[in-house]
Amino acid sequence: MEHIINQLADELLTAEKSCQPVAPITERYLELTDTDAYQIQLKILESKLGAGRTVIGKKVGLTSKVMQQMLGVSEPDYGHLLDDMVVANNGSVQTNGLLLPKVEAEIGFVLGADLVGPNINYLDVLMATEYVVPTLEIIDSRIADWKIKLVDTVADNGSSARVVVGDQHTRLEGLDLRTVGMALYKNDEEVGTGAGAAALGHPAHAVAWLANKLHAFGISLKAGELILPGALSGAVAVRSGDRVTARFGALGSVSVTFL
């Protein structure tokens, strides 16, 4: 199994660098488990860290019941955010460095204290959060045509590609994230709406799930890290020339242009 894990990690790394997708993993290796897929993800991470990249946070995916049902799973998944994935607010992204990108809007958590599983709950998350920030996650699949199941997306770092971070920092005091609304626009046309409750009922529940899940892999959430707890509406496909903006009311807005 170690040979297959190493081989698939190499395949996905090459696919990302070359923008040439690979055939679905789950169609070729029926025996792979979720745990095997996380090992592939960690093998890719190890390679990137060895090349000088640094981890700046984590992302949680599949936090909506609709997405879980679509992939036939009962819990979310996660991936790592690296320094070379960050895009400044109102910045731009070259689409020729991606395959089939899509955009999701999320309430990002920036931690002021470590969160170490296995018994973290959402109140622990709220206490450990320094502030929240509007974000756009640009997702992309190195698996051909987005033909993914859970093992495919987990191995592929949760299908994550870039993260756009808004400028406004908002403390949590007096704020109920469940009711924070979000409107997503592509080229000034509204293409999605949602609220914080879309992420496991409260986005802090998703961060708690992540802290507890990572404990099994000997990983914790660190102070200063950015944690993306899941999309508040469906992902929107983008191409060169598109501009995407998410407005989160009192939390501010975040935008990116695709070139």
C-alpha atoms as a PDB file:
ATOM      1  CA  MET A   1       0.000   0.000   0.000  1.00  0.00           C
ATOM      2  CA  GLU A   2       2.866   2.391   0.719  1.00  0.00           C
ATOM      3  CA  HIS A   3       4.015   2.059  -2.892  1.00  0.00           C
ATOM      4  CA  ILE A   4       0.538   3.035  -4.162  1.00  0.00           C
ATOM      5  CA  ILE A   5       0.350   5.996  -1.748  1.00  0.00           C
ATOM      6  CA  ASN A   6       3.722   7.284  -2.948  1.00  0.00           C
ATOM      7  CA  GLN A   7       2.795   6.760  -6.598  1.00  0.00           C
ATOM      8  CA  LEU A   8      -0.505   8.625  -6.291  1.00  0.00           C
ATOM      9  CA  ALA A   9       1.123  11.467  -4.371  1.00  0.00           C
ATOM     10  CA  ASP A  10       3.621  11.860  -7.215  1.00  0.00           C
ATOM     11  CA  GLU A  11       0.800  11.742  -9.795  1.00  0.00           C
ATOM     12  CA  LEU A  12      -1.176  14.484  -8.068  1.00  0.00           C
ATOM     13  CA  LEU A  13       1.884  16.689  -7.600  1.00  0.00           C
ATOM     14  CA  THR A  14       2.699  16.368 -11.292  1.00  0.00           C
ATOM     15  CA  ALA A  15      -0.926  17.054 -12.248  1.00  0.00           C
ATOM     16  CA  GLU A  16      -0.926  20.272 -10.225  1.00  0.00           C
ATOM     17  CA  LYS A  17       2.349  21.498 -11.720  1.00  0.00           C
ATOM     18  CA  SER A  18       1.473  20.578 -15.311  1.00  0.00           C
ATOM     19  CA  CYS A  19      -2.278  21.342 -15.204  1.00  0.00           C
ATOM     20  CA  GLN A  20      -2.841  17.912 -16.702  1.00  0.00           C
ATOM     21  CA  PRO A  21      -5.427  15.969 -14.643  1.00  0.00           C
ATOM     22  CA  VAL A  22      -5.229  12.342 -13.607  1.00  0.00           C
ATOM     23  CA  ALA A  23      -7.913   9.690 -13.963  1.00  0.00           C
ATOM     24  CA  PRO A  24     -10.132   9.256 -10.887  1.00  0.00           C
ATOM     25  CA  ILE A  25      -8.249   7.391  -8.170  1.00  0.00           C
ATOM     26  CA  THR A  26     -11.363   5.576  -6.999  1.00  0.00           C
ATOM     27  CA  GLU A  27     -11.856   4.040 -10.428  1.00  0.00           C
ATOM     28  CA  ARG A  28      -8.332   2.621 -10.400  1.00  0.00           C
ATOM     29  CA  TYR A  29      -7.815   1.615  -6.759  1.00  0.00           C
ATOM     30  CA  LEU A  30     -11.066   0.346  -5.264  1.00  0.00           C
ATOM     31  CA  GLU A  31      -9.295  -0.812  -2.106  1.00  0.00           C
ATOM     32  CA  LEU A  32      -8.157   2.636  -0.952  1.00  0.00           C
ATOM     33  CA  THR A  33      -9.691   3.866   2.316  1.00  0.00           C
ATOM     34  CA  ASP A  34     -10.266   7.372   3.635  1.00  0.00           C
ATOM     35  CA  THR A  35      -7.215   6.922   5.847  1.00  0.00           C
ATOM     36  CA  ASP A  36      -5.101   5.960   2.825  1.00  0.00           C
ATOM     37  CA  ALA A  37      -6.317   9.111   1.079  1.00  0.00           C
ATOM     38  CA  TYR A  38      -5.239  11.292   4.001  1.00  0.00           C
ATOM     39  CA  GLN A  39      -1.833   9.604   3.884  1.00  0.00           C
ATOM     40  CA  ILE A  40      -1.554  10.574   0.210  1.00  0.00           C
ATOM     41  CA  GLN A  41      -2.453  14.158   1.118  1.00  0.00           C
ATOM     42  CA  LEU A  42       0.172  14.207   3.876  1.00  0.00           C
ATOM     43  CA  LYS A  43       2.793  12.748   1.519  1.00  0.00           C
ATOM     44  CA  ILE A  44       2.112  15.609  -0.924  1.00  0.00           C
ATOM     45  CA  LEU A  45       2.299  18.086   1.955  1.00  0.00           C
ATOM     46  CA  GLU A  46       5.633  16.641   3.043  1.00  0.00           C
ATOM     47  CA  SER A  47       6.993  17.151  -0.470  1.00  0.00           C
ATOM     48  CA  LYS A  48       5.797  20.773  -0.607  1.00  0.00           C
ATOM     49  CA  LEU A  49       7.211  21.578   2.808  1.00  0.00           C
ATOM     50  CA  GLY A  50      10.503  20.090   1.662  1.00  0.00           C
ATOM     51  CA  ALA A  51      10.419  22.502  -1.286  1.00  0.00           C
ATOM     52  CA  GLY A  52      10.120  25.488   1.065  1.00  0.00           C
ATOM     53  CA  ARG A  53       6.371  25.962   1.422  1.00  0.00           C
ATOM     54  CA  THR A  54       4.811  26.603   4.842  1.00  0.00           C
ATOM     55  CA  VAL A  55       1.395  25.722   6.276  1.00  0.00           C
ATOM     56  CA  ILE A  56      -0.705  28.812   7.033  1.00  0.00           C
ATOM     57  CA  GLY A  57      -3.952  27.031   7.884  1.00  0.00           C
ATOM     58  CA  LYS A  58      -6.469  24.327   7.069  1.00  0.00           C
ATOM     59  CA  LYS A  59      -9.746  24.005   5.187  1.00  0.00           C
ATOM     60  CA  VAL A  60     -12.837  21.947   5.913  1.00  0.00           C
ATOM     61  CA  GLY A  61     -14.973  20.719   3.049  1.00  0.00           C
ATOM     62  CA  LEU A  62     -18.209  18.798   2.600  1.00  0.00           C
ATOM     63  CA  THR A  63     -19.878  20.567   5.534  1.00  0.00           C
ATOM     64  CA  SER A  64     -23.304  20.743   3.902  1.00  0.00           C
ATOM     65  CA  LYS A  65     -25.696  17.794   3.970  1.00  0.00           C
ATOM     66  CA  VAL A  66     -26.268  18.187   0.223  1.00  0.00           C
ATOM     67  CA  MET A  67     -22.572  17.732  -0.578  1.00  0.00           C
ATOM     68  CA  GLN A  68     -22.237  14.837   1.860  1.00  0.00           C
ATOM     69  CA  GLN A  69     -25.176  13.061   0.246  1.00  0.00           C
ATOM     70  CA  MET A  70     -23.749  13.736  -3.207  1.00  0.00           C
ATOM     71  CA  LEU A  71     -20.498  11.952  -2.324  1.00  0.00           C
ATOM     72  CA  GLY A  72     -22.133   9.367  -0.082  1.00  0.00           C
ATOM     73  CA  VAL A  73     -20.322  10.381   3.106  1.00  0.00           C
ATOM     74  CA  SER A  74     -21.419  11.203   6.641  1.00  0.00           C
ATOM     75  CA  GLU A  75     -18.707  13.639   7.703  1.00  0.00           C
ATOM     76  CA  PRO A  76     -16.649  16.501   6.251  1.00  0.00           C
ATOM     77  CA  ASP A  77     -13.110  16.300   4.896  1.00  0.00           C
ATOM     78  CA  TYR A  78     -10.124  18.607   5.169  1.00  0.00           C
ATOM     79  CA  GLY A  79      -7.041  19.932   3.421  1.00  0.00           C
ATOM     80  CA  HIS A  80      -4.037  22.143   4.141  1.00  0.00           C
ATOM     81  CA  LEU A  81      -3.571  25.801   3.193  1.00  0.00           C
ATOM     82  CA  LEU A  82      -0.034  26.789   2.169  1.00  0.00           C
ATOM     83  CA  ASP A  83       1.627  30.181   1.858  1.00  0.00           C
ATOM     84  CA  ASP A  84       1.730  30.074  -1.947  1.00  0.00           C
ATOM     85  CA  MET A  85      -2.063  29.620  -2.106  1.00  0.00           C
ATOM     86  CA  VAL A  86      -2.886  33.019  -0.571  1.00  0.00           C
ATOM     87  CA  VAL A  87      -4.277  35.779  -2.808  1.00  0.00           C
ATOM     88  CA  ALA A  88      -4.733  39.343  -1.552  1.00  0.00           C
ATOM     89  CA  ASN A  89      -8.195  40.874  -1.445  1.00  0.00           C
ATOM     90  CA  ASN A  90      -9.038  42.466  -4.828  1.00  0.00           C
ATOM     91  CA  GLY A  91      -6.128  40.547  -6.308  1.00  0.00           C
ATOM     92  CA  SER A  92      -6.037  38.344  -9.391  1.00  0.00           C
ATOM     93  CA  VAL A  93      -5.510  34.695 -10.233  1.00  0.00           C
ATOM     94  CA  GLN A  94      -4.126  33.283 -13.481  1.00  0.00           C
ATOM     95  CA  THR A  95      -6.541  30.665 -14.766  1.00  0.00           C
ATOM     96  CA  ASN A  96      -3.823  29.048 -16.888  1.00  0.00           C
ATOM     97  CA  GLY A  97      -2.346  27.767 -13.635  1.00  0.00           C
ATOM     98  CA  LEU A  98      -5.559  25.918 -12.785  1.00  0.00           C
ATOM     99  CA  LEU A  99      -7.698  23.206 -14.394  1.00  0.00           C
ATOM    100  CA  LEU A 100     -11.430  23.716 -13.742  1.00  0.00           C
ATOM    101  CA  PRO A 101     -11.613  26.285 -10.929  1.00  0.00           C
ATOM    102  CA  LYS A 102     -14.666  27.085  -8.847  1.00  0.00           C
ATOM    103  CA  VAL A 103     -15.187  29.591  -6.043  1.00  0.00           C
ATOM    104  CA  GLU A 104     -16.812  29.217  -2.621  1.00  0.00           C
ATOM    105  CA  ALA A 105     -17.467  31.891   0.025  1.00  0.00           C
ATOM    106  CA  GLU A 106     -16.563  31.109   3.633  1.00  0.00           C
ATOM    107  CA  ILE A 107     -16.183  32.784   7.029  1.00  0.00           C
ATOM    108  CA  GLY A 108     -12.496  32.324   7.845  1.00  0.00           C
ATOM    109  CA  PHE A 109     -11.344  31.853  11.455  1.00  0.00           C
ATOM    110  CA  VAL A 110      -7.948  33.176  12.544  1.00  0.00           C
ATOM    111  CA  LEU A 111      -6.895  31.471  15.765  1.00  0.00           C
ATOM    112  CA  GLY A 112      -5.385  33.254  18.725  1.00  0.00           C
ATOM    113  CA  ALA A 113      -4.638  30.009  20.570  1.00  0.00           C
ATOM    114  CA  ASP A 114      -3.864  26.392  19.697  1.00  0.00           C
ATOM    115  CA  LEU A 115      -6.702  23.868  19.441  1.00  0.00           C
ATOM    116  CA  VAL A 116      -5.617  20.322  20.268  1.00  0.00           C
ATOM    117  CA  GLY A 117      -8.121  17.442  19.972  1.00  0.00           C
ATOM    118  CA  PRO A 118      -9.690  15.057  20.680  1.00  0.00           C
ATOM    119  CA  ASN A 119     -12.346  16.715  22.847  1.00  0.00           C
ATOM    120  CA  ILE A 120     -12.718  20.162  21.301  1.00  0.00           C
ATOM    121  CA  ASN A 121     -16.224  21.666  21.059  1.00  0.00           C
ATOM    122  CA  TYR A 122     -17.515  24.773  19.336  1.00  0.00           C
ATOM    123  CA  LEU A 123     -17.235  26.868  22.512  1.00  0.00           C
ATOM    124  CA  ASP A 124     -13.538  26.017  22.676  1.00  0.00           C
ATOM    125  CA  VAL A 125     -13.260  27.236  19.092  1.00  0.00           C
ATOM    126  CA  LEU A 126     -15.004  30.522  19.853  1.00  0.00           C
ATOM    127  CA  MET A 127     -12.719  31.115  22.832  1.00  0.00           C
ATOM    128  CA  ALA A 128      -9.609  30.348  20.764  1.00  0.00           C
ATOM    129  CA  THR A 129     -10.606  32.571  17.809  1.00  0.00           C
ATOM    130  CA  GLU A 130      -8.853  35.927  17.541  1.00  0.00           C
ATOM    131  CA  TYR A 131     -11.118  37.196  14.748  1.00  0.00           C
ATOM    132  CA  VAL A 132     -13.054  36.131  11.662  1.00  0.00           C
ATOM    133  CA  VAL A 133     -12.456  37.330   8.120  1.00  0.00           C
ATOM    134  CA  PRO A 134     -14.369  37.098   4.816  1.00  0.00           C
ATOM    135  CA  THR A 135     -12.745  34.632   2.435  1.00  0.00           C
ATOM    136  CA  LEU A 136     -13.109  33.060  -0.978  1.00  0.00           C
ATOM    137  CA  GLU A 137     -11.742  29.575  -1.451  1.00  0.00           C
ATOM    138  CA  ILE A 138     -10.809  28.767  -5.024  1.00  0.00           C
ATOM    139  CA  ILE A 139     -11.221  25.047  -5.395  1.00  0.00           C
ATOM    140  CA  ASP A 140      -9.854  22.986  -8.261  1.00  0.00           C
ATOM    141  CA  SER A 141      -9.587  19.285  -8.907  1.00  0.00           C
ATOM    142  CA  ARG A 142      -6.516  17.558 -10.202  1.00  0.00           C
ATOM    143  CA  ILE A 143      -8.901  14.661 -10.909  1.00  0.00           C
ATOM    144  CA  ALA A 144     -10.219  14.749 -14.482  1.00  0.00           C
ATOM    145  CA  ASP A 145     -13.558  16.545 -14.963  1.00  0.00           C
ATOM    146  CA  TRP A 146     -14.295  16.743 -11.210  1.00  0.00           C
ATOM    147  CA  LYS A 147     -15.234  13.038 -11.244  1.00  0.00           C
ATOM    148  CA  ILE A 148     -14.551  12.700  -7.541  1.00  0.00           C
ATOM    149  CA  LYS A 149     -15.567  10.593  -4.608  1.00  0.00           C
ATOM    150  CA  LEU A 150     -14.356  11.121  -1.052  1.00  0.00           C
ATOM    151  CA  VAL A 151     -11.020   9.331  -1.516  1.00  0.00           C
ATOM    152  CA  ASP A 152     -10.286  11.404  -4.634  1.00  0.00           C
ATOM    153  CA  THR A 153     -10.868  14.797  -3.036  1.00  0.00           C
ATOM    154  CA  VAL A 154      -9.150  13.912   0.254  1.00  0.00           C
ATOM    155  CA  ALA A 155      -6.024  12.712  -1.544  1.00  0.00           C
ATOM    156  CA  ASP A 156      -6.146  15.908  -3.626  1.00  0.00           C
ATOM    157  CA  ASN A 157      -5.910  18.190  -0.556  1.00  0.00           C
ATOM    158  CA  GLY A 158      -9.651  18.670  -0.315  1.00  0.00           C
ATOM    159  CA  SER A 159      -9.651  19.985  -3.896  1.00  0.00           C
ATOM    160  CA  SER A 160      -8.181  23.248  -2.631  1.00  0.00           C
ATOM    161  CA  ALA A 161      -6.160  25.611  -4.842  1.00  0.00           C
ATOM    162  CA  ARG A 162      -6.152  29.241  -3.603  1.00  0.00           C
ATOM    163  CA  VAL A 163      -7.623  31.337  -0.813  1.00  0.00           C
ATOM    164  CA  VAL A 164      -8.518  35.027  -1.049  1.00  0.00           C
ATOM    165  CA  VAL A 165      -8.533  36.795   2.315  1.00  0.00           C
ATOM    166  CA  GLY A 166     -10.585  39.931   3.008  1.00  0.00           C
ATOM    167  CA  ASP A 167      -9.181  42.976   4.775  1.00  0.00           C
ATOM    168  CA  GLN A 168     -11.727  43.345   7.590  1.00  0.00           C
ATOM    169  CA  HIS A 169     -11.040  41.594  10.913  1.00  0.00           C
ATOM    170  CA  THR A 170     -14.072  41.117  13.164  1.00  0.00           C
ATOM    171  CA  ARG A 171     -14.042  39.998  16.795  1.00  0.00           C
ATOM    172  CA  LEU A 172     -16.671  37.491  17.880  1.00  0.00           C
ATOM    173  CA  GLU A 173     -18.039  39.347  20.899  1.00  0.00           C
ATOM    174  CA  GLY A 174     -21.770  39.861  20.407  1.00  0.00           C
ATOM    175  CA  LEU A 175     -21.728  38.131  17.020  1.00  0.00           C
ATOM    176  CA  ASP A 176     -23.861  35.087  16.153  1.00  0.00           C
ATOM    177  CA  LEU A 177     -22.114  33.497  13.193  1.00  0.00           C
ATOM    178  CA  ARG A 178     -25.102  31.249  12.477  1.00  0.00           C
ATOM    179  CA  THR A 179     -27.115  34.220  11.248  1.00  0.00           C
ATOM    180  CA  VAL A 180     -24.372  36.078   9.367  1.00  0.00           C
ATOM    181  CA  GLY A 181     -25.598  36.326   5.789  1.00  0.00           C
ATOM    182  CA  MET A 182     -23.535  36.066   2.609  1.00  0.00           C
ATOM    183  CA  ALA A 183     -24.292  37.036  -0.984  1.00  0.00           C
ATOM    184  CA  LEU A 184     -22.002  35.787  -3.757  1.00  0.00           C
ATOM    185  CA  TYR A 185     -21.665  37.687  -7.045  1.00  0.00           C
ATOM    186  CA  LYS A 186     -20.024  36.799 -10.341  1.00  0.00           C
ATOM    187  CA  ASN A 187     -19.597  39.758 -12.680  1.00  0.00           C
ATOM    188  CA  ASP A 188     -22.107  41.724 -10.555  1.00  0.00           C
ATOM    189  CA  GLU A 189     -24.790  39.023 -10.871  1.00  0.00           C
ATOM    190  CA  GLU A 190     -25.916  37.312  -7.684  1.00  0.00           C
ATOM    191  CA  VAL A 191     -25.127  33.604  -7.983  1.00  0.00           C
ATOM    192  CA  GLY A 192     -25.472  32.367  -4.418  1.00  0.00           C
ATOM    193  CA  THR A 193     -26.646  33.226  -0.924  1.00  0.00           C
ATOM    194  CA  GLY A 194     -26.199  31.590   2.433  1.00  0.00           C
ATOM    195  CA  ALA A 195     -25.628  32.037   6.150  1.00  0.00           C
ATOM    196  CA  GLY A 196     -23.138  30.799   8.698  1.00  0.00           C
ATOM    197  CA  ALA A 197     -25.483  28.002   9.731  1.00  0.00           C
ATOM    198  CA  ALA A 198     -24.815  26.307   6.366  1.00  0.00           C
ATOM    199  CA  ALA A 199     -21.510  24.998   7.795  1.00  0.00           C
ATOM    200  CA  LEU A 200     -22.592  22.191  10.151  1.00  0.00           C
ATOM    201  CA  GLY A 201     -25.160  24.447  11.813  1.00  0.00           C
ATOM    202  CA  HIS A 202     -22.444  26.833  13.028  1.00  0.00           C
ATOM    203  CA  PRO A 203     -19.024  27.269  11.404  1.00  0.00           C
ATOM    204  CA  ALA A 204     -17.322  26.794  14.765  1.00  0.00           C
ATOM    205  CA  HIS A 205     -18.671  23.218  14.796  1.00  0.00           C
ATOM    206  CA  ALA A 206     -16.691  22.586  11.601  1.00  0.00           C
ATOM    207  CA  VAL A 207     -13.495  23.936  13.177  1.00  0.00           C
ATOM    208  CA  ALA A 208     -14.067  21.744  16.245  1.00  0.00           C
ATOM    209  CA  TRP A 209     -14.616  18.703  14.005  1.00  0.00           C
ATOM    210  CA  LEU A 210     -11.320  19.477  12.286  1.00  0.00           C
ATOM    211  CA  ALA A 211      -9.346  19.794  15.527  1.00  0.00           C
ATOM    212  CA  ASN A 212     -10.671  16.439  16.675  1.00  0.00           C
ATOM    213  CA  LYS A 213     -10.159  14.723  13.305  1.00  0.00           C
ATOM    214  CA  LEU A 214      -6.559  15.923  13.055  1.00  0.00           C
ATOM    215  CA  HIS A 215      -5.741  14.499  16.471  1.00  0.00           C
ATOM    216  CA  ALA A 216      -5.734  11.012  14.933  1.00  0.00           C
ATOM    217  CA  PHE A 217      -2.918  12.137  12.610  1.00  0.00           C
ATOM    218  CA  GLY A 218      -0.889  13.829  15.346  1.00  0.00           C
ATOM    219  CA  ILE A 219      -1.737  17.307  14.001  1.00  0.00           C
ATOM    220  CA  SER A 220      -3.222  20.268  15.891  1.00  0.00           C
ATOM    221  CA  LEU A 221      -4.560  23.673  14.899  1.00  0.00           C
ATOM    222  CA  LYS A 222      -2.058  26.415  15.720  1.00  0.00           C
ATOM    223  CA  ALA A 223      -2.427  29.988  16.896  1.00  0.00           C
ATOM    224  CA  GLY A 224      -2.199  32.294  13.890  1.00  0.00           C
ATOM    225  CA  GLU A 225      -3.584  29.742  11.450  1.00  0.00           C
ATOM    226  CA  LEU A 226      -6.448  30.528   9.086  1.00  0.00           C
ATOM    227  CA  ILE A 227      -9.200  27.917   9.194  1.00  0.00           C
ATOM    228  CA  LEU A 228     -11.853  27.735   6.477  1.00  0.00           C
ATOM    229  CA  PRO A 229     -14.930  25.974   7.914  1.00  0.00           C
ATOM    230  CA  GLY A 230     -16.863  25.257   4.738  1.00  0.00           C
ATOM    231  CA  ALA A 231     -18.857  26.987   2.017  1.00  0.00           C
ATOM    232  CA  LEU A 232     -22.022  28.946   2.741  1.00  0.00           C
ATOM    233  CA  SER A 233     -23.455  28.273  -0.737  1.00  0.00           C
ATOM    234  CA  GLY A 234     -22.702  26.177  -3.801  1.00  0.00           C
ATOM    235  CA  ALA A 235     -19.421  26.473  -5.680  1.00  0.00           C
ATOM    236  CA  VAL A 236     -19.452  28.736  -8.746  1.00  0.00           C
ATOM    237  CA  ALA A 237     -17.431  27.831 -11.847  1.00  0.00           C
ATOM    238  CA  VAL A 238     -15.163  30.601 -13.156  1.00  0.00           C
ATOM    239  CA  ARG A 239     -13.007  31.351 -16.175  1.00  0.00           C
ATOM    240  CA  SER A 240     -10.699  34.082 -17.409  1.00  0.00           C
ATOM    241  CA  GLY A 241     -12.378  37.495 -17.282  1.00  0.00           C
ATOM    242  CA  ASP A 242     -14.652  36.721 -14.337  1.00  0.00           C
ATOM    243  CA  ARG A 243     -14.718  38.757 -11.132  1.00  0.00           C
ATOM    244  CA  VAL A 244     -16.171  37.200  -7.980  1.00  0.00           C
ATOM    245  CA  THR A 245     -17.226  39.076  -4.855  1.00  0.00           C
ATOM    246  CA  ALA A 246     -18.696  37.806  -1.600  1.00  0.00           C
ATOM    247  CA  ARG A 247     -20.432  40.255   0.729  1.00  0.00           C
ATOM    248  CA  PHE A 248     -20.858  39.185   4.350  1.00  0.00           C
ATOM    249  CA  GLY A 249     -22.760  42.188   5.734  1.00  0.00           C
ATOM    250  CA  ALA A 250     -21.088  43.409   8.922  1.00  0.00           C
ATOM    251  CA  LEU A 251     -18.085  41.121   8.308  1.00  0.00           C
ATOM    252  CA  GLY A 252     -17.147  42.965   5.123  1.00  0.00           C
ATOM    253  CA  SER A 253     -16.466  41.727   1.599  1.00  0.00           C
ATOM    254  CA  VAL A 254     -13.800  39.998  -0.450  1.00  0.00           C
ATOM    255  CA  SER A 255     -13.155  39.976  -4.224  1.00  0.00           C
ATOM    256  CA  VAL A 256     -10.920  38.357  -6.811  1.00  0.00           C
ATOM    257  CA  THR A 257     -10.480  38.640 -10.589  1.00  0.00           C
ATOM    258  CA  PHE A 258      -9.530  35.775 -12.901  1.00  0.00           C
ATOM    259  CA  LEU A 259      -7.099  36.481 -15.718  1.00  0.00           C
END
